[in-house]
Amino acid sequence: IASRFPYIAFSECFAIIIESVIIYKLLKVDYKKALLTS
C-alpha cells in the first residue's frame, strides 16, 4: 500500500480487529467488550 492514508486506515483497522480477537480469546470476555477495549 503506497498511499499514506489507505495504508494508515488499513493498518489501524487490522490492528483493532486482530487485537480484539486476541483479547476475546485470552481474557474470555464477550466480543463487544473486547472490540471496545481494542
PDB file of all heavy atoms in Angstrom:
ATOM      1  N   ILE A   1       0.862  -1.183   0.000  1.00  0.00           N
ATOM      2  CA  ILE A   1       0.000   0.000   0.000  1.00  0.00           C
ATOM      3  C   ILE A   1       0.897   1.232   0.000  1.00  0.00           C
ATOM      4  O   ILE A   1       1.494   1.574   1.025  1.00  0.00           O
ATOM      5  CB  ILE A   1      -0.942   0.025   1.217  1.00  0.00           C
ATOM      6  CG1 ILE A   1      -1.680  -1.310   1.358  1.00  0.00           C
ATOM      7  CG2 ILE A   1      -1.937   1.181   1.110  1.00  0.00           C
ATOM      8  CD1 ILE A   1      -2.505  -1.427   2.624  1.00  0.00           C
ATOM      9  N   ALA A   2       1.003   1.892  -1.141  1.00  0.00           N
ATOM     10  CA  ALA A   2       1.938   3.008  -1.280  1.00  0.00           C
ATOM     11  C   ALA A   2       1.378   4.316  -0.732  1.00  0.00           C
ATOM     12  O   ALA A   2       2.114   5.124  -0.178  1.00  0.00           O
ATOM     13  CB  ALA A   2       2.311   3.183  -2.754  1.00  0.00           C
ATOM     14  N   SER A   3       0.079   4.537  -0.866  1.00  0.00           N
ATOM     15  CA  SER A   3      -0.531   5.800  -0.435  1.00  0.00           C
ATOM     16  C   SER A   3      -0.673   5.837   1.082  1.00  0.00           C
ATOM     17  O   SER A   3      -1.083   4.849   1.695  1.00  0.00           O
ATOM     18  CB  SER A   3      -1.900   5.965  -1.093  1.00  0.00           C
ATOM     19  OG  SER A   3      -2.516   7.163  -0.680  1.00  0.00           O
ATOM     20  N   ARG A   4      -0.347   6.974   1.683  1.00  0.00           N
ATOM     21  CA  ARG A   4      -0.286   7.066   3.145  1.00  0.00           C
ATOM     22  C   ARG A   4      -1.644   6.835   3.812  1.00  0.00           C
ATOM     23  O   ARG A   4      -1.751   6.053   4.754  1.00  0.00           O
ATOM     24  CB  ARG A   4       0.274   8.439   3.550  1.00  0.00           C
ATOM     25  CG  ARG A   4       0.322   8.659   5.061  1.00  0.00           C
ATOM     26  CD  ARG A   4       0.986   9.964   5.392  1.00  0.00           C
ATOM     27  NE  ARG A   4       2.400   9.899   5.129  1.00  0.00           N
ATOM     28  CZ  ARG A   4       3.296   9.493   6.015  1.00  0.00           C
ATOM     29  NH1 ARG A   4       2.916   9.104   7.199  1.00  0.00           N
ATOM     30  NH2 ARG A   4       4.580   9.464   5.712  1.00  0.00           N
ATOM     31  N   PHE A   5      -2.703   7.539   3.361  1.00  0.00           N
ATOM     32  CA  PHE A   5      -3.982   7.430   4.056  1.00  0.00           C
ATOM     33  C   PHE A   5      -4.565   6.016   4.010  1.00  0.00           C
ATOM     34  O   PHE A   5      -4.949   5.467   5.052  1.00  0.00           O
ATOM     35  CB  PHE A   5      -4.978   8.438   3.491  1.00  0.00           C
ATOM     36  CG  PHE A   5      -6.333   8.316   4.116  1.00  0.00           C
ATOM     37  CD1 PHE A   5      -6.567   8.762   5.410  1.00  0.00           C
ATOM     38  CD2 PHE A   5      -7.379   7.731   3.423  1.00  0.00           C
ATOM     39  CE1 PHE A   5      -7.815   8.636   5.996  1.00  0.00           C
ATOM     40  CE2 PHE A   5      -8.624   7.601   3.996  1.00  0.00           C
ATOM     41  CZ  PHE A   5      -8.842   8.051   5.283  1.00  0.00           C
ATOM     42  N   PRO A   6      -4.634   5.364   2.824  1.00  0.00           N
ATOM     43  CA  PRO A   6      -5.133   3.974   2.826  1.00  0.00           C
ATOM     44  C   PRO A   6      -4.269   3.046   3.676  1.00  0.00           C
ATOM     45  O   PRO A   6      -4.788   2.143   4.333  1.00  0.00           O
ATOM     46  CB  PRO A   6      -5.088   3.578   1.350  1.00  0.00           C
ATOM     47  CG  PRO A   6      -5.169   4.864   0.611  1.00  0.00           C
ATOM     48  CD  PRO A   6      -4.416   5.853   1.451  1.00  0.00           C
ATOM     49  N   TYR A   7      -2.949   3.296   3.675  1.00  0.00           N
ATOM     50  CA  TYR A   7      -2.054   2.457   4.488  1.00  0.00           C
ATOM     51  C   TYR A   7      -2.376   2.596   5.974  1.00  0.00           C
ATOM     52  O   TYR A   7      -2.494   1.605   6.705  1.00  0.00           O
ATOM     53  CB  TYR A   7      -0.604   2.842   4.224  1.00  0.00           C
ATOM     54  CG  TYR A   7       0.346   2.442   5.322  1.00  0.00           C
ATOM     55  CD1 TYR A   7       0.697   1.114   5.509  1.00  0.00           C
ATOM     56  CD2 TYR A   7       0.878   3.398   6.192  1.00  0.00           C
ATOM     57  CE1 TYR A   7       1.557   0.739   6.526  1.00  0.00           C
ATOM     58  CE2 TYR A   7       1.731   3.035   7.210  1.00  0.00           C
ATOM     59  CZ  TYR A   7       2.066   1.709   7.378  1.00  0.00           C
ATOM     60  OH  TYR A   7       2.898   1.349   8.396  1.00  0.00           O
ATOM     61  N   ILE A   8      -2.518   3.829   6.443  1.00  0.00           N
ATOM     62  CA  ILE A   8      -2.809   4.055   7.858  1.00  0.00           C
ATOM     63  C   ILE A   8      -4.173   3.485   8.230  1.00  0.00           C
ATOM     64  O   ILE A   8      -4.328   2.810   9.257  1.00  0.00           O
ATOM     65  CB  ILE A   8      -2.742   5.559   8.186  1.00  0.00           C
ATOM     66  CG1 ILE A   8      -1.312   6.072   8.016  1.00  0.00           C
ATOM     67  CG2 ILE A   8      -3.220   5.830   9.602  1.00  0.00           C
ATOM     68  CD1 ILE A   8      -1.175   7.572   8.137  1.00  0.00           C
ATOM     69  N   ALA A   9      -5.177   3.756   7.375  1.00  0.00           N
ATOM     70  CA  ALA A   9      -6.522   3.274   7.663  1.00  0.00           C
ATOM     71  C   ALA A   9      -6.559   1.752   7.734  1.00  0.00           C
ATOM     72  O   ALA A   9      -7.131   1.170   8.672  1.00  0.00           O
ATOM     73  CB  ALA A   9      -7.494   3.786   6.593  1.00  0.00           C
ATOM     74  N   PHE A  10      -5.949   1.091   6.750  1.00  0.00           N
ATOM     75  CA  PHE A  10      -5.954  -0.376   6.734  1.00  0.00           C
ATOM     76  C   PHE A  10      -5.180  -0.931   7.926  1.00  0.00           C
ATOM     77  O   PHE A  10      -5.621  -1.877   8.578  1.00  0.00           O
ATOM     78  CB  PHE A  10      -5.344  -0.890   5.428  1.00  0.00           C
ATOM     79  CG  PHE A  10      -5.349  -2.385   5.307  1.00  0.00           C
ATOM     80  CD1 PHE A  10      -6.478  -3.059   4.854  1.00  0.00           C
ATOM     81  CD2 PHE A  10      -4.236  -3.136   5.668  1.00  0.00           C
ATOM     82  CE1 PHE A  10      -6.496  -4.442   4.763  1.00  0.00           C
ATOM     83  CE2 PHE A  10      -4.236  -4.516   5.581  1.00  0.00           C
ATOM     84  CZ  PHE A  10      -5.369  -5.167   5.124  1.00  0.00           C
ATOM     85  N   SER A  11      -4.021  -0.338   8.226  1.00  0.00           N
ATOM     86  CA  SER A  11      -3.176  -0.839   9.313  1.00  0.00           C
ATOM     87  C   SER A  11      -3.875  -0.740  10.660  1.00  0.00           C
ATOM     88  O   SER A  11      -3.851  -1.684  11.464  1.00  0.00           O
ATOM     89  CB  SER A  11      -1.855  -0.069   9.354  1.00  0.00           C
ATOM     90  OG  SER A  11      -1.118  -0.267   8.166  1.00  0.00           O
ATOM     91  N   GLU A  12      -4.501   0.398  10.915  1.00  0.00           N
ATOM     92  CA  GLU A  12      -5.157   0.583  12.208  1.00  0.00           C
ATOM     93  C   GLU A  12      -6.396  -0.297  12.333  1.00  0.00           C
ATOM     94  O   GLU A  12      -6.674  -0.843  13.407  1.00  0.00           O
ATOM     95  CB  GLU A  12      -5.507   2.055  12.411  1.00  0.00           C
ATOM     96  CG  GLU A  12      -4.297   2.955  12.587  1.00  0.00           C
ATOM     97  CD  GLU A  12      -3.470   2.587  13.809  1.00  0.00           C
ATOM     98  OE1 GLU A  12      -4.052   2.133  14.815  1.00  0.00           O
ATOM     99  OE2 GLU A  12      -2.241   2.751  13.767  1.00  0.00           O
ATOM    100  N   CYS A  13      -7.155  -0.441  11.245  1.00  0.00           N
ATOM    101  CA  CYS A  13      -8.320  -1.349  11.285  1.00  0.00           C
ATOM    102  C   CYS A  13      -7.866  -2.791  11.508  1.00  0.00           C
ATOM    103  O   CYS A  13      -8.493  -3.542  12.273  1.00  0.00           O
ATOM    104  CB  CYS A  13      -9.119  -1.239   9.990  1.00  0.00           C
ATOM    105  SG  CYS A  13     -10.014   0.314   9.805  1.00  0.00           S
ATOM    106  N   PHE A  14      -6.780  -3.164  10.845  1.00  0.00           N
ATOM    107  CA  PHE A  14      -6.201  -4.504  11.040  1.00  0.00           C
ATOM    108  C   PHE A  14      -5.825  -4.709  12.501  1.00  0.00           C
ATOM    109  O   PHE A  14      -6.147  -5.743  13.116  1.00  0.00           O
ATOM    110  CB  PHE A  14      -4.979  -4.664  10.139  1.00  0.00           C
ATOM    111  CG  PHE A  14      -4.117  -5.852  10.457  1.00  0.00           C
ATOM    112  CD1 PHE A  14      -4.445  -7.108   9.981  1.00  0.00           C
ATOM    113  CD2 PHE A  14      -2.977  -5.708  11.246  1.00  0.00           C
ATOM    114  CE1 PHE A  14      -3.652  -8.212  10.278  1.00  0.00           C
ATOM    115  CE2 PHE A  14      -2.179  -6.799  11.544  1.00  0.00           C
ATOM    116  CZ  PHE A  14      -2.525  -8.054  11.061  1.00  0.00           C
ATOM    117  N   ALA A  15      -5.131  -3.709  13.084  1.00  0.00           N
ATOM    118  CA  ALA A  15      -4.696  -3.829  14.475  1.00  0.00           C
ATOM    119  C   ALA A  15      -5.895  -3.953  15.417  1.00  0.00           C
ATOM    120  O   ALA A  15      -5.889  -4.782  16.338  1.00  0.00           O
ATOM    121  CB  ALA A  15      -3.841  -2.620  14.851  1.00  0.00           C
ATOM    122  N   ILE A  16      -6.917  -3.144  15.202  1.00  0.00           N
ATOM    123  CA  ILE A  16      -8.096  -3.179  16.079  1.00  0.00           C
ATOM    124  C   ILE A  16      -8.787  -4.533  16.012  1.00  0.00           C
ATOM    125  O   ILE A  16      -9.140  -5.121  17.045  1.00  0.00           O
ATOM    126  CB  ILE A  16      -9.064  -2.044  15.703  1.00  0.00           C
ATOM    127  CG1 ILE A  16      -8.479  -0.693  16.131  1.00  0.00           C
ATOM    128  CG2 ILE A  16     -10.433  -2.260  16.349  1.00  0.00           C
ATOM    129  CD1 ILE A  16      -9.260   0.503  15.617  1.00  0.00           C
ATOM    130  N   ILE A  17      -8.964  -5.060  14.810  1.00  0.00           N
ATOM    131  CA  ILE A  17      -9.686  -6.330  14.654  1.00  0.00           C
ATOM    132  C   ILE A  17      -8.891  -7.496  15.236  1.00  0.00           C
ATOM    133  O   ILE A  17      -9.410  -8.310  16.009  1.00  0.00           O
ATOM    134  CB  ILE A  17     -10.012  -6.577  13.172  1.00  0.00           C
ATOM    135  CG1 ILE A  17     -11.037  -5.544  12.679  1.00  0.00           C
ATOM    136  CG2 ILE A  17     -10.548  -7.993  12.966  1.00  0.00           C
ATOM    137  CD1 ILE A  17     -11.267  -5.562  11.196  1.00  0.00           C
ATOM    138  N   ILE A  18      -7.597  -7.587  14.872  1.00  0.00           N
ATOM    139  CA  ILE A  18      -6.766  -8.704  15.354  1.00  0.00           C
ATOM    140  C   ILE A  18      -6.636  -8.658  16.868  1.00  0.00           C
ATOM    141  O   ILE A  18      -6.764  -9.675  17.566  1.00  0.00           O
ATOM    142  CB  ILE A  18      -5.388  -8.682  14.680  1.00  0.00           C
ATOM    143  CG1 ILE A  18      -5.505  -8.896  13.169  1.00  0.00           C
ATOM    144  CG2 ILE A  18      -4.473  -9.744  15.301  1.00  0.00           C
ATOM    145  CD1 ILE A  18      -6.150 -10.205  12.759  1.00  0.00           C
ATOM    146  N   GLU A  19      -6.374  -7.473  17.405  1.00  0.00           N
ATOM    147  CA  GLU A  19      -6.210  -7.362  18.857  1.00  0.00           C
ATOM    148  C   GLU A  19      -7.509  -7.632  19.595  1.00  0.00           C
ATOM    149  O   GLU A  19      -7.491  -8.185  20.711  1.00  0.00           O
ATOM    150  CB  GLU A  19      -5.650  -5.980  19.207  1.00  0.00           C
ATOM    151  CG  GLU A  19      -4.208  -5.793  18.730  1.00  0.00           C
ATOM    152  CD  GLU A  19      -3.628  -4.434  19.053  1.00  0.00           C
ATOM    153  OE1 GLU A  19      -4.208  -3.733  19.915  1.00  0.00           O
ATOM    154  OE2 GLU A  19      -2.617  -4.067  18.451  1.00  0.00           O
ATOM    155  N   SER A  20      -8.657  -7.268  19.009  1.00  0.00           N
ATOM    156  CA  SER A  20      -9.934  -7.565  19.666  1.00  0.00           C
ATOM    157  C   SER A  20     -10.165  -9.069  19.753  1.00  0.00           C
ATOM    158  O   SER A  20     -10.683  -9.571  20.766  1.00  0.00           O
ATOM    159  CB  SER A  20     -11.087  -6.894  18.914  1.00  0.00           C
ATOM    160  OG  SER A  20     -11.277  -7.483  17.634  1.00  0.00           O
ATOM    161  N   VAL A  21      -9.758  -9.797  18.698  1.00  0.00           N
ATOM    162  CA  VAL A  21      -9.901 -11.256  18.717  1.00  0.00           C
ATOM    163  C   VAL A  21      -8.997 -11.866  19.784  1.00  0.00           C
ATOM    164  O   VAL A  21      -9.393 -12.784  20.526  1.00  0.00           O
ATOM    165  CB  VAL A  21      -9.597 -11.853  17.333  1.00  0.00           C
ATOM    166  CG1 VAL A  21      -9.559 -13.382  17.393  1.00  0.00           C
ATOM    167  CG2 VAL A  21     -10.625 -11.388  16.312  1.00  0.00           C
ATOM    168  N   ILE A  22      -7.777 -11.356  19.889  1.00  0.00           N
ATOM    169  CA  ILE A  22      -6.837 -11.865  20.893  1.00  0.00           C
ATOM    170  C   ILE A  22      -7.366 -11.594  22.306  1.00  0.00           C
ATOM    171  O   ILE A  22      -7.319 -12.468  23.189  1.00  0.00           O
ATOM    172  CB  ILE A  22      -5.445 -11.234  20.697  1.00  0.00           C
ATOM    173  CG1 ILE A  22      -4.834 -11.706  19.369  1.00  0.00           C
ATOM    174  CG2 ILE A  22      -4.517 -11.579  21.860  1.00  0.00           C
ATOM    175  CD1 ILE A  22      -3.553 -11.000  18.990  1.00  0.00           C
ATOM    176  N   ILE A  23      -7.853 -10.378  22.539  1.00  0.00           N
ATOM    177  CA  ILE A  23      -8.425 -10.038  23.852  1.00  0.00           C
ATOM    178  C   ILE A  23      -9.627 -10.933  24.164  1.00  0.00           C
ATOM    179  O   ILE A  23      -9.794 -11.431  25.288  1.00  0.00           O
ATOM    180  CB  ILE A  23      -8.831  -8.547  23.878  1.00  0.00           C
ATOM    181  CG1 ILE A  23      -7.579  -7.665  23.807  1.00  0.00           C
ATOM    182  CG2 ILE A  23      -9.647  -8.218  25.128  1.00  0.00           C
ATOM    183  CD1 ILE A  23      -7.864  -6.200  23.568  1.00  0.00           C
ATOM    184  N   TYR A  24     -10.464 -11.155  23.157  1.00  0.00           N
ATOM    185  CA  TYR A  24     -11.651 -12.006  23.308  1.00  0.00           C
ATOM    186  C   TYR A  24     -11.262 -13.436  23.699  1.00  0.00           C
ATOM    187  O   TYR A  24     -11.867 -14.038  24.599  1.00  0.00           O
ATOM    188  CB  TYR A  24     -12.426 -11.990  22.000  1.00  0.00           C
ATOM    189  CG  TYR A  24     -13.546 -13.000  21.900  1.00  0.00           C
ATOM    190  CD1 TYR A  24     -14.708 -12.870  22.657  1.00  0.00           C
ATOM    191  CD2 TYR A  24     -13.439 -14.087  21.033  1.00  0.00           C
ATOM    192  CE1 TYR A  24     -15.738 -13.791  22.554  1.00  0.00           C
ATOM    193  CE2 TYR A  24     -14.463 -15.017  20.918  1.00  0.00           C
ATOM    194  CZ  TYR A  24     -15.602 -14.874  21.681  1.00  0.00           C
ATOM    195  OH  TYR A  24     -16.611 -15.791  21.579  1.00  0.00           O
ATOM    196  N   LYS A  25     -10.224 -13.963  23.057  1.00  0.00           N
ATOM    197  CA  LYS A  25      -9.816 -15.344  23.316  1.00  0.00           C
ATOM    198  C   LYS A  25      -9.062 -15.495  24.638  1.00  0.00           C
ATOM    199  O   LYS A  25      -9.295 -16.451  25.394  1.00  0.00           O
ATOM    200  CB  LYS A  25      -8.939 -15.839  22.163  1.00  0.00           C
ATOM    201  CG  LYS A  25      -9.662 -16.016  20.832  1.00  0.00           C
ATOM    202  CD  LYS A  25     -10.662 -17.157  20.893  1.00  0.00           C
ATOM    203  CE  LYS A  25     -11.285 -17.424  19.527  1.00  0.00           C
ATOM    204  NZ  LYS A  25     -12.276 -18.533  19.579  1.00  0.00           N
ATOM    205  N   LEU A  26      -8.151 -14.563  24.914  1.00  0.00           N
ATOM    206  CA  LEU A  26      -7.306 -14.716  26.101  1.00  0.00           C
ATOM    207  C   LEU A  26      -8.020 -14.324  27.390  1.00  0.00           C
ATOM    208  O   LEU A  26      -7.882 -15.000  28.421  1.00  0.00           O
ATOM    209  CB  LEU A  26      -6.030 -13.887  25.945  1.00  0.00           C
ATOM    210  CG  LEU A  26      -5.024 -14.362  24.891  1.00  0.00           C
ATOM    211  CD1 LEU A  26      -3.797 -13.468  24.885  1.00  0.00           C
ATOM    212  CD2 LEU A  26      -4.594 -15.808  25.155  1.00  0.00           C
ATOM    213  N   LEU A  27      -8.774 -13.224  27.344  1.00  0.00           N
ATOM    214  CA  LEU A  27      -9.424 -12.746  28.566  1.00  0.00           C
ATOM    215  C   LEU A  27     -10.821 -13.315  28.760  1.00  0.00           C
ATOM    216  O   LEU A  27     -11.431 -13.120  29.815  1.00  0.00           O
ATOM    217  CB  LEU A  27      -9.486 -11.213  28.554  1.00  0.00           C
ATOM    218  CG  LEU A  27      -8.142 -10.490  28.462  1.00  0.00           C
ATOM    219  CD1 LEU A  27      -8.336  -8.992  28.589  1.00  0.00           C
ATOM    220  CD2 LEU A  27      -7.165 -10.997  29.515  1.00  0.00           C
ATOM    221  N   LYS A  28     -11.319 -14.004  27.696  1.00  0.00           N
ATOM    222  CA  LYS A  28     -12.625 -14.668  27.770  1.00  0.00           C
ATOM    223  C   LYS A  28     -13.737 -13.691  28.180  1.00  0.00           C
ATOM    224  O   LYS A  28     -14.543 -13.965  29.088  1.00  0.00           O
ATOM    225  CB  LYS A  28     -12.568 -15.857  28.720  1.00  0.00           C
ATOM    226  CG  LYS A  28     -11.533 -16.895  28.305  1.00  0.00           C
ATOM    227  CD  LYS A  28     -11.624 -18.152  29.129  1.00  0.00           C
ATOM    228  CE  LYS A  28     -10.503 -19.124  28.779  1.00  0.00           C
ATOM    229  NZ  LYS A  28     -10.445 -19.449  27.351  1.00  0.00           N
ATOM    230  N   VAL A  29     -13.757 -12.550  27.504  1.00  0.00           N
ATOM    231  CA  VAL A  29     -14.838 -11.580  27.685  1.00  0.00           C
ATOM    232  C   VAL A  29     -15.702 -11.612  26.433  1.00  0.00           C
ATOM    233  O   VAL A  29     -15.308 -12.168  25.406  1.00  0.00           O
ATOM    234  CB  VAL A  29     -14.271 -10.162  27.914  1.00  0.00           C
ATOM    235  CG1 VAL A  29     -13.447 -10.122  29.184  1.00  0.00           C
ATOM    236  CG2 VAL A  29     -13.433  -9.707  26.724  1.00  0.00           C
ATOM    237  N   ASP A  30     -16.900 -11.019  26.512  1.00  0.00           N
ATOM    238  CA  ASP A  30     -17.727 -11.012  25.305  1.00  0.00           C
ATOM    239  C   ASP A  30     -17.081 -10.106  24.258  1.00  0.00           C
ATOM    240  O   ASP A  30     -16.314  -9.188  24.581  1.00  0.00           O
ATOM    241  CB  ASP A  30     -19.153 -10.566  25.625  1.00  0.00           C
ATOM    242  CG  ASP A  30     -19.228  -9.128  26.091  1.00  0.00           C
ATOM    243  OD1 ASP A  30     -19.176  -8.224  25.251  1.00  0.00           O
ATOM    244  OD2 ASP A  30     -19.325  -8.919  27.320  1.00  0.00           O
ATOM    245  N   TYR A  31     -17.420 -10.359  22.991  1.00  0.00           N
ATOM    246  CA  TYR A  31     -16.680  -9.712  21.900  1.00  0.00           C
ATOM    247  C   TYR A  31     -16.891  -8.198  21.863  1.00  0.00           C
ATOM    248  O   TYR A  31     -15.984  -7.453  21.468  1.00  0.00           O
ATOM    249  CB  TYR A  31     -17.056 -10.320  20.544  1.00  0.00           C
ATOM    250  CG  TYR A  31     -16.175  -9.762  19.439  1.00  0.00           C
ATOM    251  CD1 TYR A  31     -14.827 -10.118  19.356  1.00  0.00           C
ATOM    252  CD2 TYR A  31     -16.688  -8.855  18.518  1.00  0.00           C
ATOM    253  CE1 TYR A  31     -14.013  -9.589  18.376  1.00  0.00           C
ATOM    254  CE2 TYR A  31     -15.874  -8.314  17.529  1.00  0.00           C
ATOM    255  CZ  TYR A  31     -14.542  -8.686  17.462  1.00  0.00           C
ATOM    256  OH  TYR A  31     -13.728  -8.155  16.496  1.00  0.00           O
ATOM    257  N   LYS A  32     -18.044  -7.701  22.263  1.00  0.00           N
ATOM    258  CA  LYS A  32     -18.264  -6.252  22.262  1.00  0.00           C
ATOM    259  C   LYS A  32     -17.281  -5.561  23.201  1.00  0.00           C
ATOM    260  O   LYS A  32     -16.716  -4.513  22.876  1.00  0.00           O
ATOM    261  CB  LYS A  32     -19.708  -5.939  22.668  1.00  0.00           C
ATOM    262  CG  LYS A  32     -20.734  -6.253  21.593  1.00  0.00           C
ATOM    263  CD  LYS A  32     -22.115  -5.803  22.022  1.00  0.00           C
ATOM    264  CE  LYS A  32     -23.139  -6.083  20.923  1.00  0.00           C
ATOM    265  NZ  LYS A  32     -24.503  -5.665  21.329  1.00  0.00           N
ATOM    266  N   LYS A  33     -17.080  -6.144  24.392  1.00  0.00           N
ATOM    267  CA  LYS A  33     -16.105  -5.583  25.330  1.00  0.00           C
ATOM    268  C   LYS A  33     -14.698  -5.664  24.736  1.00  0.00           C
ATOM    269  O   LYS A  33     -13.892  -4.736  24.870  1.00  0.00           O
ATOM    270  CB  LYS A  33     -16.152  -6.324  26.658  1.00  0.00           C
ATOM    271  CG  LYS A  33     -17.328  -5.990  27.551  1.00  0.00           C
ATOM    272  CD  LYS A  33     -17.153  -6.624  28.911  1.00  0.00           C
ATOM    273  CE  LYS A  33     -18.281  -6.233  29.867  1.00  0.00           C
ATOM    274  NZ  LYS A  33     -19.583  -6.801  29.484  1.00  0.00           N
ATOM    275  N   ALA A  34     -14.378  -6.791  24.104  1.00  0.00           N
ATOM    276  CA  ALA A  34     -13.053  -6.969  23.508  1.00  0.00           C
ATOM    277  C   ALA A  34     -12.803  -5.941  22.402  1.00  0.00           C
ATOM    278  O   ALA A  34     -11.718  -5.343  22.311  1.00  0.00           O
ATOM    279  CB  ALA A  34     -12.912  -8.389  22.957  1.00  0.00           C
ATOM    280  N   LEU A  35     -13.804  -5.716  21.562  1.00  0.00           N
ATOM    281  CA  LEU A  35     -13.664  -4.755  20.468  1.00  0.00           C
ATOM    282  C   LEU A  35     -13.513  -3.334  21.003  1.00  0.00           C
ATOM    283  O   LEU A  35     -12.642  -2.572  20.542  1.00  0.00           O
ATOM    284  CB  LEU A  35     -14.870  -4.839  19.538  1.00  0.00           C
ATOM    285  CG  LEU A  35     -14.860  -3.896  18.320  1.00  0.00           C
ATOM    286  CD1 LEU A  35     -13.651  -4.169  17.434  1.00  0.00           C
ATOM    287  CD2 LEU A  35     -16.152  -4.042  17.523  1.00  0.00           C
ATOM    288  N   LEU A  36     -14.329  -2.967  21.979  1.00  0.00           N
ATOM    289  CA  LEU A  36     -14.231  -1.632  22.567  1.00  0.00           C
ATOM    290  C   LEU A  36     -12.871  -1.436  23.220  1.00  0.00           C
ATOM    291  O   LEU A  36     -12.236  -0.374  23.081  1.00  0.00           O
ATOM    292  CB  LEU A  36     -15.346  -1.430  23.583  1.00  0.00           C
ATOM    293  CG  LEU A  36     -15.352  -0.062  24.289  1.00  0.00           C
ATOM    294  CD1 LEU A  36     -15.517   1.067  23.281  1.00  0.00           C
ATOM    295  CD2 LEU A  36     -16.462  -0.013  25.347  1.00  0.00           C
ATOM    296  N   THR A  37     -12.392  -2.459  23.930  1.00  0.00           N
ATOM    297  CA  THR A  37     -11.081  -2.378  24.565  1.00  0.00           C
ATOM    298  C   THR A  37      -9.988  -2.185  23.523  1.00  0.00           C
ATOM    299  O   THR A  37      -9.075  -1.360  23.691  1.00  0.00           O
ATOM    300  CB  THR A  37     -10.804  -3.656  25.373  1.00  0.00           C
ATOM    301  OG1 THR A  37     -11.802  -3.810  26.384  1.00  0.00           O
ATOM    302  CG2 THR A  37      -9.424  -3.609  26.014  1.00  0.00           C
ATOM    303  N   SER A  38     -10.061  -2.925  22.436  1.00  0.00           N
ATOM    304  CA  SER A  38      -9.070  -2.804  21.372  1.00  0.00           C
ATOM    305  C   SER A  38      -9.082  -1.414  20.751  1.00  0.00           C
ATOM    306  O   SER A  38      -8.032  -0.822  20.490  1.00  0.00           O
ATOM    307  CB  SER A  38      -9.323  -3.869  20.301  1.00  0.00           C
ATOM    308  OG  SER A  38      -8.390  -3.751  19.247  1.00  0.00           O
TER     309      SER A  38
END
